[in-house]
């Protein structure tokens, strides 16, 4: 299988979506949840997340946001 490279636009879209999802989570839950998810991917903040992990982080945070609201 061939690795795909994330374009700048895709990366920007994931980061924007993650930021929005973080806002929802922090509004209804603790920011510790976001910190926990970042730590699972070896990141201290959003910009530490490797581009290849952005879809997985978004998916996990989106699931949490949908579950808490």
N, C-alpha and C. Protein backbone atom coordinates (compact mmCIF):
# COMPACT_ATOMS: atom_id res chain seq x y z
N UNK A 1 0.84 -1.17 0.00
CA UNK A 1 0.00 0.00 0.00
C UNK A 1 0.89 1.24 0.00
N UNK A 2 0.50 2.22 -0.72
CA UNK A 2 1.27 3.44 -0.85
C UNK A 2 0.82 4.45 0.19
N UNK A 3 1.81 5.09 0.84
CA UNK A 3 1.49 6.14 1.80
C UNK A 3 1.00 7.37 1.05
N UNK A 4 0.01 8.02 1.62
CA UNK A 4 -0.46 9.25 1.00
C UNK A 4 0.07 10.43 1.82
N UNK A 5 0.34 11.49 1.14
CA UNK A 5 0.84 12.70 1.78
C UNK A 5 -0.34 13.65 1.97
N UNK A 6 -0.45 14.19 3.17
CA UNK A 6 -1.53 15.12 3.45
C UNK A 6 -1.17 16.49 2.87
N UNK A 7 -2.10 17.07 2.14
CA UNK A 7 -1.87 18.40 1.58
C UNK A 7 -2.00 19.44 2.68
N UNK A 8 -1.51 20.63 2.41
CA UNK A 8 -1.63 21.72 3.37
C UNK A 8 -3.09 22.04 3.66
N UNK A 9 -3.92 21.95 2.66
CA UNK A 9 -5.35 22.23 2.83
C UNK A 9 -5.99 21.18 3.73
N UNK A 10 -5.66 19.92 3.50
CA UNK A 10 -6.21 18.85 4.36
C UNK A 10 -5.76 19.04 5.80
N UNK A 11 -4.47 19.35 5.98
CA UNK A 11 -3.95 19.56 7.34
C UNK A 11 -4.67 20.74 8.00
N UNK A 12 -4.83 21.83 7.27
CA UNK A 12 -5.53 23.00 7.79
C UNK A 12 -6.97 22.64 8.17
N UNK A 13 -7.65 21.87 7.33
CA UNK A 13 -9.03 21.48 7.62
C UNK A 13 -9.12 20.62 8.87
N UNK A 14 -8.18 19.68 9.03
CA UNK A 14 -8.17 18.85 10.24
C UNK A 14 -7.91 19.70 11.47
N UNK A 15 -6.94 20.60 11.38
CA UNK A 15 -6.63 21.45 12.54
C UNK A 15 -7.82 22.32 12.90
N UNK A 16 -8.48 22.90 11.92
CA UNK A 16 -9.67 23.73 12.18
C UNK A 16 -10.79 22.91 12.81
N UNK A 17 -10.99 21.72 12.29
CA UNK A 17 -12.04 20.84 12.83
C UNK A 17 -11.71 20.41 14.25
N UNK A 18 -10.45 20.10 14.50
CA UNK A 18 -10.04 19.71 15.85
C UNK A 18 -10.22 20.88 16.81
N UNK A 19 -9.86 22.08 16.40
CA UNK A 19 -10.04 23.26 17.26
C UNK A 19 -11.51 23.45 17.62
N UNK A 20 -12.38 23.30 16.65
CA UNK A 20 -13.82 23.45 16.92
C UNK A 20 -14.31 22.37 17.87
N UNK A 21 -13.83 21.16 17.67
CA UNK A 21 -14.24 20.04 18.51
C UNK A 21 -13.72 20.22 19.93
N UNK A 22 -12.50 20.73 20.06
CA UNK A 22 -11.95 21.00 21.39
C UNK A 22 -12.82 22.02 22.12
N UNK A 23 -13.26 23.03 21.42
CA UNK A 23 -14.12 24.06 22.04
C UNK A 23 -15.40 23.44 22.60
N UNK A 24 -15.99 22.54 21.83
CA UNK A 24 -17.21 21.88 22.28
C UNK A 24 -16.94 21.03 23.52
N UNK A 25 -15.86 20.27 23.48
CA UNK A 25 -15.53 19.41 24.62
C UNK A 25 -15.27 20.26 25.87
N UNK A 26 -14.50 21.31 25.73
CA UNK A 26 -14.14 22.15 26.89
C UNK A 26 -15.35 22.91 27.44
N UNK A 27 -16.33 23.16 26.58
CA UNK A 27 -17.55 23.84 27.02
C UNK A 27 -18.39 22.92 27.91
N UNK A 28 -18.36 21.62 27.64
CA UNK A 28 -19.23 20.68 28.34
C UNK A 28 -18.49 19.73 29.28
N UNK A 29 -17.20 19.60 29.10
CA UNK A 29 -16.40 18.67 29.91
C UNK A 29 -15.12 19.37 30.34
N UNK A 30 -14.19 18.61 30.85
CA UNK A 30 -12.90 19.13 31.29
C UNK A 30 -11.89 19.13 30.14
N UNK A 31 -11.01 20.11 30.15
CA UNK A 31 -9.94 20.13 29.14
C UNK A 31 -8.96 18.99 29.35
N UNK A 32 -9.02 18.33 30.51
CA UNK A 32 -8.17 17.17 30.77
C UNK A 32 -8.42 16.05 29.76
N UNK A 33 -9.64 15.99 29.25
CA UNK A 33 -9.98 14.97 28.24
C UNK A 33 -9.15 15.21 26.98
N UNK A 34 -9.06 16.46 26.56
CA UNK A 34 -8.29 16.81 25.37
C UNK A 34 -6.81 16.51 25.61
N UNK A 35 -6.32 16.88 26.77
CA UNK A 35 -4.92 16.62 27.12
C UNK A 35 -4.63 15.12 27.07
N UNK A 36 -5.55 14.31 27.59
CA UNK A 36 -5.39 12.86 27.57
C UNK A 36 -5.28 12.33 26.14
N UNK A 37 -6.16 12.80 25.27
CA UNK A 37 -6.13 12.34 23.87
C UNK A 37 -4.81 12.76 23.22
N UNK A 38 -4.38 13.99 23.44
CA UNK A 38 -3.11 14.44 22.86
C UNK A 38 -1.97 13.55 23.35
N UNK A 39 -1.95 13.25 24.63
CA UNK A 39 -0.87 12.44 25.20
C UNK A 39 -0.84 11.04 24.60
N UNK A 40 -2.00 10.50 24.25
CA UNK A 40 -2.04 9.19 23.61
C UNK A 40 -1.25 9.18 22.30
N UNK A 41 -1.19 10.34 21.66
CA UNK A 41 -0.49 10.47 20.39
C UNK A 41 0.87 11.15 20.55
N UNK A 42 1.35 11.24 21.80
CA UNK A 42 2.68 11.80 22.07
C UNK A 42 2.78 13.29 21.86
N UNK A 43 1.66 13.99 21.98
CA UNK A 43 1.65 15.43 21.74
C UNK A 43 1.31 16.20 23.01
N UNK A 44 1.86 17.40 23.10
CA UNK A 44 1.55 18.29 24.22
C UNK A 44 0.46 19.29 23.85
N UNK A 45 0.35 19.56 22.55
CA UNK A 45 -0.71 20.45 22.06
C UNK A 45 -1.05 20.06 20.63
N UNK A 46 -1.97 20.77 20.06
CA UNK A 46 -2.48 20.45 18.73
C UNK A 46 -1.38 20.44 17.67
N UNK A 47 -0.44 21.36 17.78
CA UNK A 47 0.58 21.49 16.75
C UNK A 47 1.74 20.51 16.92
N UNK A 48 1.70 19.71 17.98
CA UNK A 48 2.66 18.63 18.19
C UNK A 48 2.22 17.33 17.51
N UNK A 49 0.98 17.25 17.12
CA UNK A 49 0.44 16.02 16.55
C UNK A 49 1.00 15.81 15.14
N UNK A 50 1.58 14.65 14.89
CA UNK A 50 2.06 14.39 13.52
C UNK A 50 0.89 14.43 12.53
N UNK A 51 1.10 14.99 11.36
CA UNK A 51 0.01 15.07 10.37
C UNK A 51 -0.68 13.74 10.11
N UNK A 52 0.07 12.65 10.15
CA UNK A 52 -0.54 11.34 9.88
C UNK A 52 -1.51 10.92 10.98
N UNK A 53 -1.39 11.51 12.16
CA UNK A 53 -2.29 11.19 13.28
C UNK A 53 -3.49 12.13 13.39
N UNK A 54 -3.48 13.22 12.65
CA UNK A 54 -4.58 14.19 12.75
C UNK A 54 -5.96 13.57 12.51
N UNK A 55 -6.13 12.71 11.50
CA UNK A 55 -7.46 12.11 11.31
C UNK A 55 -7.91 11.27 12.52
N UNK A 56 -6.97 10.58 13.15
CA UNK A 56 -7.31 9.74 14.30
C UNK A 56 -7.66 10.58 15.52
N UNK A 57 -6.89 11.64 15.72
CA UNK A 57 -7.18 12.54 16.85
C UNK A 57 -8.54 13.20 16.64
N UNK A 58 -8.78 13.67 15.42
CA UNK A 58 -10.07 14.29 15.13
C UNK A 58 -11.21 13.31 15.38
N UNK A 59 -11.06 12.11 14.89
CA UNK A 59 -12.11 11.10 15.05
C UNK A 59 -12.40 10.83 16.52
N UNK A 60 -11.35 10.69 17.31
CA UNK A 60 -11.54 10.42 18.74
C UNK A 60 -12.18 11.60 19.45
N UNK A 61 -11.72 12.80 19.17
CA UNK A 61 -12.30 13.99 19.81
C UNK A 61 -13.73 14.23 19.35
N UNK A 62 -14.01 13.98 18.08
CA UNK A 62 -15.37 14.14 17.57
C UNK A 62 -16.32 13.16 18.26
N UNK A 63 -15.87 11.93 18.47
CA UNK A 63 -16.68 10.94 19.17
C UNK A 63 -17.00 11.43 20.60
N UNK A 64 -15.99 11.95 21.28
CA UNK A 64 -16.18 12.47 22.65
C UNK A 64 -17.14 13.64 22.65
N UNK A 65 -16.97 14.56 21.69
CA UNK A 65 -17.84 15.74 21.62
C UNK A 65 -19.28 15.33 21.34
N UNK A 66 -19.49 14.39 20.46
CA UNK A 66 -20.84 13.94 20.15
C UNK A 66 -21.49 13.21 21.31
N UNK A 67 -20.65 12.52 22.08
CA UNK A 67 -21.15 11.77 23.23
C UNK A 67 -21.52 12.69 24.40
N UNK A 68 -20.82 13.79 24.54
CA UNK A 68 -21.05 14.66 25.70
C UNK A 68 -22.12 15.73 25.44
N UNK A 69 -22.54 15.87 24.22
CA UNK A 69 -23.50 16.95 23.95
C UNK A 69 -24.83 16.43 23.53
